[in-house]
Amino acid sequence: MKIIITHLVCLLGFILSAKAQTEVKFTKLDSLYAYADKNSSVTKTNYQQTLLAKYQKIAALANVVNLRNPITFSLTDNTTLPVSFIPLSVLTGGRQSGFEKITLGQQYVSNFNITPQIDLINPGAWAQIKTANINEELTATNNLLNKKSLHESIAACYFNIISFKEQVEITKKNLSATDTLLQIVSNKFAQGLVRQQDVNDATVSKLVLQDKLNQLKISLEQQYNSLKILCEMPQNTKVNIEDEFSYNQQFTPDMDADSQLQVKANILQMEYAKADLRTNRLSNLPVLSLLYSNSYYQNSVNQFFDGNPNNPWLNSAYFGAKVTFFLPDVNHILSSRNAKINYNTALINMNHSKLQNDISNNQLHLDYEKAYSQFLANQQISKLKEDNYRMALNQYNQAILSFNNLLIAFNDMLVSRFNYSSSLANLMYTKSKIDINNNIK
């Protein structure tokens, strides 16, 4: 019995330990970036793309000499040898005419051959080195763009989570206020001072706010799930964002975006297309290669690997050079035309991206100004609506204001408070986008 209890305690401890290991807490956005940079599928894919570009560059360098060293070993059993015809006049000194059938060759043929070859002059392969270098740099730039996009998505989830958490607390607080309103109306109804409709409206207000709370909790969980997907977290991982908003925000007039990453990517894309076009053109030039061959062979009428000392393995070798010409064909012509079109397209995109990038950077600053202006407006509106509700509550208690108008003031106050929280989240997100654009270069 003691052994069973001991095992159960150990198992329970293991389960609790496993649960503790699946809880992840973040107090700052930067710590979430660091986690995503280490674990996300975007980071893993970027690493594979980097490796691929690296190996393509190595292959381009090795392809300059294009070393080929084929080794062949063959055993051939000529079960039926070919038949040849020779004139009888050759055999009989002209005394007979016609042809004689003879069989030439030996049944068992063994052959071992080494034929290394390298290219001395290969303009097309030389041009591929530049293409590979540009591709490596382009891959690194595209990886940064992927990282930038990932960080922006994470920032959006992060500030949405903080905003929803705060809205949940606001809703809980105001849900208590609806309980108070319902109690006040119920007491007045019991005294015959108000109508049943007022009690019903107070109940509806509480139910609506309770549903709002449930919807906010679901939205919060959805944002956590989106964050798990972005950061490659298992479903059973418990994520806690413990950061809080600071409503004391000051406007930063010189907060400008100066990212040129997209422009750089388009420039590299243009250079890559140009290098690819050059490679296509140079591949038509002749290729000068050195070649060597060394063969060992044995022919026998008895068996493979004939041990007869009168039938040894024979050797032949040669050394030389060859020039290879590639006559243009349809496929190569079309490939060159496609490379030309790709280059022209990349050139257009490059020129367009310069204008688009400057406008996008300016747009980020305008979004920041807009978000801050909206934040200030919602801040003032929230204070005024809260004052209106307090005055409306006092007026209702003094029987000066109807309950319907009190509910309107309460709902206006609640909506303005939600808008205030949402505008702060939007402000923080626009600031983070500028920081992301300026930090990832």
Protein backbone atom coordinates (compact mmCIF):
# COMPACT_ATOMS: atom_id res chain seq x y z
CA MET A 1 0.00 0.00 0.00
CA LYS A 2 2.82 2.39 0.85
CA ILE A 3 4.46 1.64 -2.49
CA ILE A 4 1.24 2.47 -4.35
CA ILE A 5 0.83 5.73 -2.43
CA THR A 6 4.47 6.63 -3.14
CA HIS A 7 3.97 6.02 -6.85
CA LEU A 8 0.81 8.12 -6.89
CA VAL A 9 2.58 10.99 -5.13
CA CYS A 10 5.46 10.83 -7.63
CA LEU A 11 3.02 10.74 -10.54
CA LEU A 12 1.12 13.72 -9.16
CA GLY A 13 4.36 15.61 -8.68
CA PHE A 14 5.38 14.84 -12.27
CA ILE A 15 2.01 16.07 -13.59
CA LEU A 16 2.22 19.28 -11.58
CA SER A 17 5.81 19.80 -12.73
CA ALA A 18 4.80 19.27 -16.38
CA LYS A 19 1.99 21.79 -16.02
CA ALA A 20 4.38 24.31 -14.48
CA GLN A 21 6.76 23.89 -17.38
CA THR A 22 4.05 24.81 -19.92
CA GLU A 23 3.37 28.24 -18.42
CA VAL A 24 5.08 31.19 -20.10
CA LYS A 25 4.99 34.75 -18.77
CA PHE A 26 5.93 37.98 -20.54
CA THR A 27 6.17 41.39 -18.96
CA LYS A 28 7.60 43.30 -21.91
CA LEU A 29 7.11 43.21 -25.65
CA ASP A 30 10.84 42.77 -26.26
CA SER A 31 10.88 39.51 -24.28
CA LEU A 32 8.09 38.21 -26.52
CA TYR A 33 10.10 39.20 -29.60
CA ALA A 34 13.08 37.26 -28.24
CA TYR A 35 10.94 34.17 -27.66
CA ALA A 36 9.46 34.35 -31.16
CA ASP A 37 12.87 34.89 -32.76
CA LYS A 38 14.01 31.66 -31.16
CA ASN A 39 10.97 29.43 -31.62
CA SER A 40 8.68 30.68 -34.41
CA SER A 41 8.26 28.87 -37.71
CA VAL A 42 9.23 32.10 -39.49
CA THR A 43 12.64 32.03 -37.78
CA LYS A 44 13.12 28.35 -38.58
CA THR A 45 12.15 28.89 -42.21
CA ASN A 46 14.48 31.89 -42.46
CA TYR A 47 17.34 29.73 -41.18
CA GLN A 48 16.65 27.08 -43.82
CA GLN A 49 16.52 29.74 -46.53
CA THR A 50 19.87 31.08 -45.33
CA LEU A 51 21.40 27.60 -45.51
CA LEU A 52 19.97 27.09 -48.99
CA ALA A 53 21.46 30.36 -50.25
CA LYS A 54 24.80 29.46 -48.67
CA TYR A 55 24.91 26.07 -50.37
CA GLN A 56 23.88 27.60 -53.68
CA LYS A 57 26.85 29.95 -53.39
CA ILE A 58 29.19 27.05 -52.62
CA ALA A 59 27.81 25.17 -55.61
CA ALA A 60 28.39 28.22 -57.85
CA LEU A 61 32.02 28.47 -56.70
CA ALA A 62 32.60 24.77 -57.25
CA ASN A 63 30.95 24.94 -60.66
CA VAL A 64 33.66 27.32 -61.92
CA VAL A 65 35.94 24.37 -62.65
CA ASN A 66 33.03 21.90 -62.77
CA LEU A 67 35.16 18.91 -61.78
CA ARG A 68 33.73 15.67 -63.10
CA ASN A 69 35.39 12.41 -62.18
CA PRO A 70 33.21 9.55 -63.39
CA ILE A 71 34.42 6.06 -62.55
CA THR A 72 32.90 3.14 -64.42
CA PHE A 73 33.33 -0.59 -64.03
CA SER A 74 31.53 -2.97 -66.33
CA LEU A 75 31.34 -6.71 -66.92
CA THR A 76 29.82 -7.73 -70.26
CA ASP A 77 28.88 -11.24 -71.27
CA ASN A 78 28.53 -11.26 -75.07
CA THR A 79 26.28 -14.33 -75.35
CA THR A 80 25.81 -13.76 -79.08
CA LEU A 81 28.65 -12.02 -80.87
CA PRO A 82 27.97 -9.95 -83.98
CA VAL A 83 28.56 -11.48 -87.42
CA SER A 84 30.67 -9.70 -90.05
CA PHE A 85 31.09 -10.40 -93.77
CA ILE A 86 34.48 -10.23 -95.51
CA PRO A 87 35.17 -10.75 -99.21
CA LEU A 88 36.47 -14.23 -100.16
CA SER A 89 38.79 -12.60 -102.64
CA VAL A 90 40.84 -11.29 -99.74
CA LEU A 91 41.17 -14.76 -98.23
CA THR A 92 41.77 -16.67 -101.51
CA GLY A 93 43.94 -14.17 -103.29
CA GLY A 94 41.23 -13.36 -105.78
CA ARG A 95 40.50 -16.93 -106.77
CA GLN A 96 36.96 -16.93 -105.35
CA SER A 97 34.24 -14.36 -105.21
CA GLY A 98 31.53 -13.79 -102.62
CA PHE A 99 31.62 -13.24 -98.84
CA GLU A 100 32.52 -15.29 -95.82
CA LYS A 101 30.69 -14.93 -92.46
CA ILE A 102 32.99 -14.58 -89.47
CA THR A 103 32.34 -13.82 -85.78
CA LEU A 104 34.55 -11.18 -84.18
CA GLY A 105 35.01 -10.31 -80.52
CA GLN A 106 35.29 -12.15 -77.24
CA GLN A 107 32.51 -13.27 -74.93
CA TYR A 108 33.74 -11.86 -71.60
CA VAL A 109 34.72 -8.20 -71.51
CA SER A 110 35.81 -6.48 -68.26
CA ASN A 111 36.44 -2.75 -68.20
CA PHE A 112 37.47 -0.23 -65.49
CA ASN A 113 37.68 3.44 -66.50
CA ILE A 114 38.50 6.76 -64.77
CA THR A 115 37.83 9.93 -66.82
CA PRO A 116 38.32 13.17 -64.81
CA GLN A 117 37.52 16.48 -66.50
CA ILE A 118 37.68 20.12 -65.41
CA ASP A 119 36.72 23.40 -67.08
CA LEU A 120 39.46 26.00 -67.60
CA ILE A 121 37.29 28.67 -69.20
CA ASN A 122 33.54 28.71 -68.48
CA PRO A 123 32.09 32.26 -68.69
CA GLY A 124 28.57 31.10 -67.81
CA ALA A 125 29.75 29.44 -64.58
CA TRP A 126 31.84 32.50 -63.67
CA ALA A 127 28.77 34.71 -64.00
CA GLN A 128 26.80 32.44 -61.66
CA ILE A 129 29.10 33.42 -58.77
CA LYS A 130 27.77 36.98 -58.81
CA THR A 131 24.21 35.68 -59.05
CA ALA A 132 24.80 33.45 -56.01
CA ASN A 133 26.35 36.33 -54.02
CA ILE A 134 23.37 38.59 -54.73
CA ASN A 135 20.96 35.76 -53.93
CA GLU A 136 22.61 35.26 -50.54
CA GLU A 137 22.24 38.95 -49.70
CA LEU A 138 18.69 39.04 -51.06
CA THR A 139 17.76 36.05 -48.90
CA ALA A 140 19.12 37.78 -45.79
CA THR A 141 17.09 40.90 -46.63
CA ASN A 142 13.91 38.93 -47.24
CA ASN A 143 14.46 37.16 -43.93
CA LEU A 144 14.56 40.54 -42.21
CA LEU A 145 11.31 41.51 -43.94
CA ASN A 146 9.74 38.28 -42.69
CA LYS A 147 11.00 39.04 -39.20
CA LYS A 148 9.60 42.57 -39.42
CA SER A 149 6.19 41.24 -40.45
CA LEU A 150 6.29 38.70 -37.61
CA HIS A 151 7.11 41.37 -35.03
CA GLU A 152 4.30 43.61 -36.26
CA SER A 153 1.79 40.76 -35.96
CA ILE A 154 3.08 39.91 -32.48
CA ALA A 155 2.84 43.55 -31.41
CA ALA A 156 -0.77 43.70 -32.60
CA CYS A 157 -1.66 40.59 -30.55
CA TYR A 158 0.31 41.85 -27.56
CA PHE A 159 -1.47 45.20 -27.30
CA ASN A 160 -4.84 43.63 -28.10
CA ILE A 161 -4.35 41.25 -25.18
CA ILE A 162 -3.48 44.08 -22.80
CA SER A 163 -6.46 46.09 -24.06
CA PHE A 164 -8.88 43.16 -23.71
CA LYS A 165 -7.59 42.36 -20.23
CA GLU A 166 -8.22 45.94 -19.17
CA GLN A 167 -11.63 45.97 -20.80
CA VAL A 168 -12.48 42.80 -18.87
CA GLU A 169 -11.61 44.59 -15.63
CA ILE A 170 -13.61 47.65 -16.69
CA THR A 171 -16.59 45.44 -17.51
CA LYS A 172 -16.36 43.60 -14.18
CA LYS A 173 -16.26 46.92 -12.33
CA ASN A 174 -19.25 48.30 -14.21
CA LEU A 175 -21.10 45.01 -13.85
CA SER A 176 -21.08 45.73 -10.15
CA ALA A 177 -22.50 49.15 -10.97
CA THR A 178 -25.40 47.53 -12.84
CA ASP A 179 -26.10 45.44 -9.76
CA THR A 180 -26.32 48.67 -7.77
CA LEU A 181 -28.62 50.25 -10.35
CA LEU A 182 -30.83 47.18 -10.39
CA GLN A 183 -31.03 47.25 -6.59
CA ILE A 184 -31.92 50.95 -6.56
CA VAL A 185 -34.63 50.49 -9.19
CA SER A 186 -36.00 47.39 -7.47
CA ASN A 187 -36.26 49.28 -4.17
CA LYS A 188 -38.04 52.17 -5.85
CA PHE A 189 -40.35 49.76 -7.64
CA ALA A 190 -41.21 48.14 -4.33
CA GLN A 191 -42.12 51.61 -3.06
CA GLY A 192 -44.26 52.21 -6.12
CA LEU A 193 -42.05 55.05 -7.35
CA VAL A 194 -41.02 53.57 -10.71
CA ARG A 195 -42.52 51.34 -13.40
CA GLN A 196 -41.83 47.67 -14.12
CA GLN A 197 -40.23 48.78 -17.40
CA ASP A 198 -37.45 50.46 -15.43
CA VAL A 199 -36.73 47.24 -13.57
CA ASN A 200 -36.72 45.36 -16.88
CA ASP A 201 -34.35 47.90 -18.46
CA ALA A 202 -31.97 47.61 -15.52
CA THR A 203 -32.03 43.80 -15.83
CA VAL A 204 -31.42 43.99 -19.57
CA SER A 205 -28.49 46.34 -18.99
CA LYS A 206 -26.95 43.85 -16.59
CA LEU A 207 -27.48 40.94 -19.01
CA VAL A 208 -25.98 42.88 -21.90
CA LEU A 209 -22.93 43.77 -19.84
CA GLN A 210 -22.57 40.17 -18.67
CA ASP A 211 -22.60 39.05 -22.31
CA LYS A 212 -20.06 41.77 -23.11
CA LEU A 213 -17.81 40.32 -20.41
CA ASN A 214 -18.13 36.82 -21.87
CA GLN A 215 -17.37 38.10 -25.37
CA LEU A 216 -14.30 39.95 -24.13
CA LYS A 217 -12.99 36.82 -22.41
CA ILE A 218 -13.46 34.82 -25.62
CA SER A 219 -11.74 37.54 -27.67
CA LEU A 220 -8.88 37.55 -25.17
CA GLU A 221 -8.48 33.79 -25.53
CA GLN A 222 -8.53 34.13 -29.32
CA GLN A 223 -5.71 36.66 -29.16
CA TYR A 224 -3.70 34.30 -26.96
CA ASN A 225 -4.27 31.53 -29.51
CA SER A 226 -3.10 33.81 -32.32
CA LEU A 227 -0.01 34.59 -30.28
CA LYS A 228 0.67 30.89 -29.80
CA ILE A 229 0.52 30.36 -33.55
CA LEU A 230 2.90 33.26 -34.23
CA CYS A 231 5.38 32.10 -31.59
CA GLU A 232 4.99 28.36 -32.29
CA MET A 233 3.73 27.53 -28.81
CA PRO A 234 1.94 24.22 -28.11
CA GLN A 235 -1.79 24.42 -27.54
CA ASN A 236 -1.51 23.34 -23.89
CA THR A 237 0.92 26.18 -23.11
CA LYS A 238 -0.49 28.76 -20.72
CA VAL A 239 0.56 32.25 -21.79
CA ASN A 240 0.36 35.23 -19.46
CA ILE A 241 0.95 38.82 -20.55
CA GLU A 242 1.56 40.72 -17.33
CA ASP A 243 2.29 44.12 -18.82
CA GLU A 244 -0.01 47.06 -18.10
CA PHE A 245 -0.90 50.23 -19.98
CA SER A 246 0.39 53.59 -18.91
CA TYR A 247 -2.18 56.25 -19.73
CA ASN A 248 0.41 58.96 -19.21
CA GLN A 249 1.52 59.22 -22.83
CA GLN A 250 3.46 62.15 -24.28
CA PHE A 251 3.58 62.96 -27.96
CA THR A 252 6.99 62.50 -29.64
CA PRO A 253 7.06 64.83 -32.66
CA ASP A 254 10.33 63.46 -34.08
CA MET A 255 9.21 59.84 -34.03
CA ASP A 256 9.77 59.12 -37.70
CA ALA A 257 10.25 55.86 -39.57
CA ASP A 258 13.38 55.61 -41.71
CA SER A 259 13.31 51.98 -42.85
CA GLN A 260 14.84 51.31 -46.28
CA LEU A 261 14.61 47.53 -46.03
CA GLN A 262 11.99 47.09 -48.75
CA VAL A 263 13.92 49.38 -51.09
CA LYS A 264 17.06 47.34 -50.47
CA ALA A 265 15.16 44.14 -51.25
CA ASN A 266 13.89 45.54 -54.54
CA ILE A 267 17.35 46.81 -55.51
CA LEU A 268 18.83 43.37 -54.82
CA GLN A 269 16.00 41.76 -56.78
CA MET A 270 16.83 44.00 -59.73
CA GLU A 271 20.56 43.19 -59.44
CA TYR A 272 19.77 39.49 -59.22
CA ALA A 273 17.63 39.65 -62.37
CA LYS A 274 20.39 41.58 -64.14
CA ALA A 275 23.02 39.02 -63.10
CA ASP A 276 20.74 36.18 -64.20
CA LEU A 277 20.32 37.84 -67.60
CA ARG A 278 24.10 38.15 -67.94
CA THR A 279 24.52 34.49 -66.97
CA ASN A 280 22.07 33.44 -69.69
CA ARG A 281 23.97 35.43 -72.31
CA LEU A 282 27.43 34.20 -71.28
CA SER A 283 26.32 30.58 -71.23
CA ASN A 284 26.36 30.71 -75.06
CA LEU A 285 30.13 31.23 -75.08
CA PRO A 286 32.50 28.26 -75.66
CA VAL A 287 33.78 26.23 -72.71
CA LEU A 288 37.40 25.05 -72.65
CA SER A 289 37.92 21.83 -70.67
CA LEU A 290 40.85 19.59 -69.79
CA LEU A 291 40.17 15.87 -69.84
CA TYR A 292 42.02 12.69 -68.96
CA SER A 293 41.18 9.02 -69.24
CA ASN A 294 42.78 5.93 -67.75
CA SER A 295 41.27 2.52 -68.54
CA TYR A 296 42.01 -1.08 -67.61
CA TYR A 297 40.31 -3.86 -69.54
CA GLN A 298 40.48 -7.60 -70.12
CA ASN A 299 38.84 -9.66 -72.88
CA SER A 300 38.45 -13.39 -72.49
CA VAL A 301 36.73 -16.37 -74.13
CA ASN A 302 36.75 -18.34 -70.87
CA GLN A 303 35.40 -16.27 -67.96
CA PHE A 304 35.39 -12.94 -66.15
CA PHE A 305 38.65 -12.13 -64.35
CA ASP A 306 40.54 -14.68 -66.42
CA GLY A 307 43.64 -15.79 -64.49
CA ASN A 308 45.53 -16.93 -67.57
CA PRO A 309 48.96 -15.22 -67.48
CA ASN A 310 48.81 -14.93 -71.25
CA ASN A 311 45.68 -12.79 -70.94
CA PRO A 312 46.67 -9.90 -68.60
CA TRP A 313 44.73 -6.70 -67.89
CA LEU A 314 45.59 -4.08 -70.49
CA ASN A 315 45.89 -0.37 -69.91
CA SER A 316 45.12 2.67 -72.09
CA ALA A 317 45.22 6.39 -71.21
CA TYR A 318 44.99 9.74 -72.89
CA PHE A 319 45.17 13.43 -71.98
CA GLY A 320 43.70 16.31 -73.95
CA ALA A 321 41.55 19.41 -74.16
CA LYS A 322 38.22 20.12 -75.75
CA VAL A 323 36.17 23.17 -76.63
CA THR A 324 32.41 22.86 -76.29
CA PHE A 325 30.07 25.10 -78.26
CA PHE A 326 26.41 25.46 -77.38
CA LEU A 327 24.25 26.31 -80.36
CA PRO A 328 21.20 28.35 -79.28
CA ASP A 329 18.01 26.33 -79.17
CA VAL A 330 14.40 27.30 -78.52
CA ASN A 331 14.57 26.64 -74.79
CA HIS A 332 17.70 28.74 -74.34
CA ILE A 333 16.32 31.60 -76.42
CA LEU A 334 13.11 31.62 -74.40
CA SER A 335 15.09 31.46 -71.17
CA SER A 336 17.08 34.53 -72.21
CA ARG A 337 13.91 36.39 -73.18
CA ASN A 338 12.32 35.51 -69.83
CA ALA A 339 15.42 36.73 -68.02
CA LYS A 340 15.20 40.02 -69.91
CA ILE A 341 11.52 40.42 -68.97
CA ASN A 342 12.29 39.61 -65.33
CA TYR A 343 15.02 42.25 -65.31
CA ASN A 344 12.74 44.93 -66.77
CA THR A 345 10.02 44.04 -64.26
CA ALA A 346 12.47 44.17 -61.35
CA LEU A 347 13.74 47.55 -62.57
CA ILE A 348 10.19 48.94 -62.61
CA ASN A 349 9.50 47.55 -59.14
CA MET A 350 12.72 49.05 -57.81
CA ASN A 351 11.88 52.54 -59.04
CA HIS A 352 8.35 52.22 -57.70
CA SER A 353 9.46 50.92 -54.31
CA LYS A 354 11.58 54.02 -53.65
CA LEU A 355 8.51 56.24 -53.89
CA GLN A 356 6.30 53.76 -52.06
CA ASN A 357 8.80 53.33 -49.22
CA ASP A 358 9.05 57.07 -48.53
CA ILE A 359 5.27 57.36 -48.51
CA SER A 360 4.94 54.30 -46.24
CA ASN A 361 7.44 55.75 -43.77
CA ASN A 362 5.55 59.02 -43.76
CA GLN A 363 2.27 57.12 -43.36
CA LEU A 364 3.57 55.48 -40.18
CA HIS A 365 4.24 58.89 -38.67
CA LEU A 366 0.80 60.12 -39.75
CA ASP A 367 -0.77 57.02 -38.19
CA TYR A 368 1.06 57.85 -34.98
CA GLU A 369 -0.20 61.45 -35.03
CA LYS A 370 -3.72 60.26 -35.76
CA ALA A 371 -3.62 57.65 -32.99
CA TYR A 372 -2.34 60.20 -30.46
CA SER A 373 -5.00 62.74 -31.44
CA GLN A 374 -7.69 60.07 -31.07
CA PHE A 375 -6.20 59.03 -27.73
CA LEU A 376 -6.39 62.60 -26.37
CA ALA A 377 -9.95 63.02 -27.62
CA ASN A 378 -11.10 59.74 -26.07
CA GLN A 379 -9.34 60.67 -22.84
CA GLN A 380 -11.34 63.87 -22.54
CA ILE A 381 -14.56 62.21 -23.70
CA SER A 382 -14.14 59.47 -21.11
CA LYS A 383 -13.76 61.98 -18.30
CA LEU A 384 -16.76 63.99 -19.45
CA LYS A 385 -18.96 60.92 -19.87
CA GLU A 386 -17.96 59.72 -16.42
CA ASP A 387 -18.93 63.11 -14.96
CA ASN A 388 -22.22 62.97 -16.86
CA TYR A 389 -23.00 59.58 -15.41
CA ARG A 390 -22.29 60.68 -11.85
CA MET A 391 -24.50 63.73 -12.28
CA ALA A 392 -27.22 61.62 -13.93
CA LEU A 393 -27.13 59.16 -11.02
CA ASN A 394 -27.51 61.99 -8.51
CA GLN A 395 -30.36 63.47 -10.53
CA TYR A 396 -32.07 60.10 -10.71
CA ASN A 397 -31.77 59.60 -6.96
CA GLN A 398 -33.40 63.03 -6.57
CA ALA A 399 -36.18 61.99 -8.97
CA ILE A 400 -35.14 64.70 -11.43
CA LEU A 401 -34.01 62.36 -14.25
CA SER A 402 -35.74 59.33 -15.74
CA PHE A 403 -34.15 55.90 -15.48
CA ASN A 404 -33.99 55.66 -19.28
CA ASN A 405 -31.78 58.73 -19.42
CA LEU A 406 -29.67 57.32 -16.58
CA LEU A 407 -29.07 54.14 -18.60
CA ILE A 408 -28.11 56.22 -21.63
CA ALA A 409 -25.56 58.10 -19.52
CA PHE A 410 -24.23 54.80 -18.12
CA ASN A 411 -23.86 53.20 -21.56
CA ASP A 412 -22.20 56.32 -22.95
CA MET A 413 -19.74 56.28 -20.06
CA LEU A 414 -18.99 52.59 -20.61
CA VAL A 415 -18.50 52.96 -24.38
CA SER A 416 -16.22 55.98 -23.91
CA ARG A 417 -14.13 54.01 -21.41
CA PHE A 418 -13.75 51.14 -23.88
CA ASN A 419 -12.82 53.59 -26.64
CA TYR A 420 -10.24 55.18 -24.36
CA SER A 421 -8.60 51.82 -23.71
CA SER A 422 -8.72 50.81 -27.38
CA SER A 423 -7.22 54.11 -28.53
CA LEU A 424 -4.31 53.65 -26.11
CA ALA A 425 -3.70 50.15 -27.49
CA ASN A 426 -3.75 51.57 -31.03
CA LEU A 427 -1.35 54.33 -30.02
CA MET A 428 1.10 51.84 -28.52
CA TYR A 429 0.83 49.65 -31.60
CA THR A 430 1.59 52.52 -34.00
CA LYS A 431 4.62 53.43 -31.89
CA SER A 432 5.81 49.82 -31.91
CA LYS A 433 5.51 49.66 -35.71
CA ILE A 434 7.81 52.67 -36.02
CA ASP A 435 10.26 51.09 -33.59
CA ILE A 436 10.17 47.81 -35.54
CA ASN A 437 10.83 49.59 -38.83
CA ASN A 438 13.74 51.52 -37.35
CA ASN A 439 15.33 48.59 -35.47
CA ILE A 440 15.12 45.82 -38.08
CA LYS A 441 17.45 46.91 -40.87
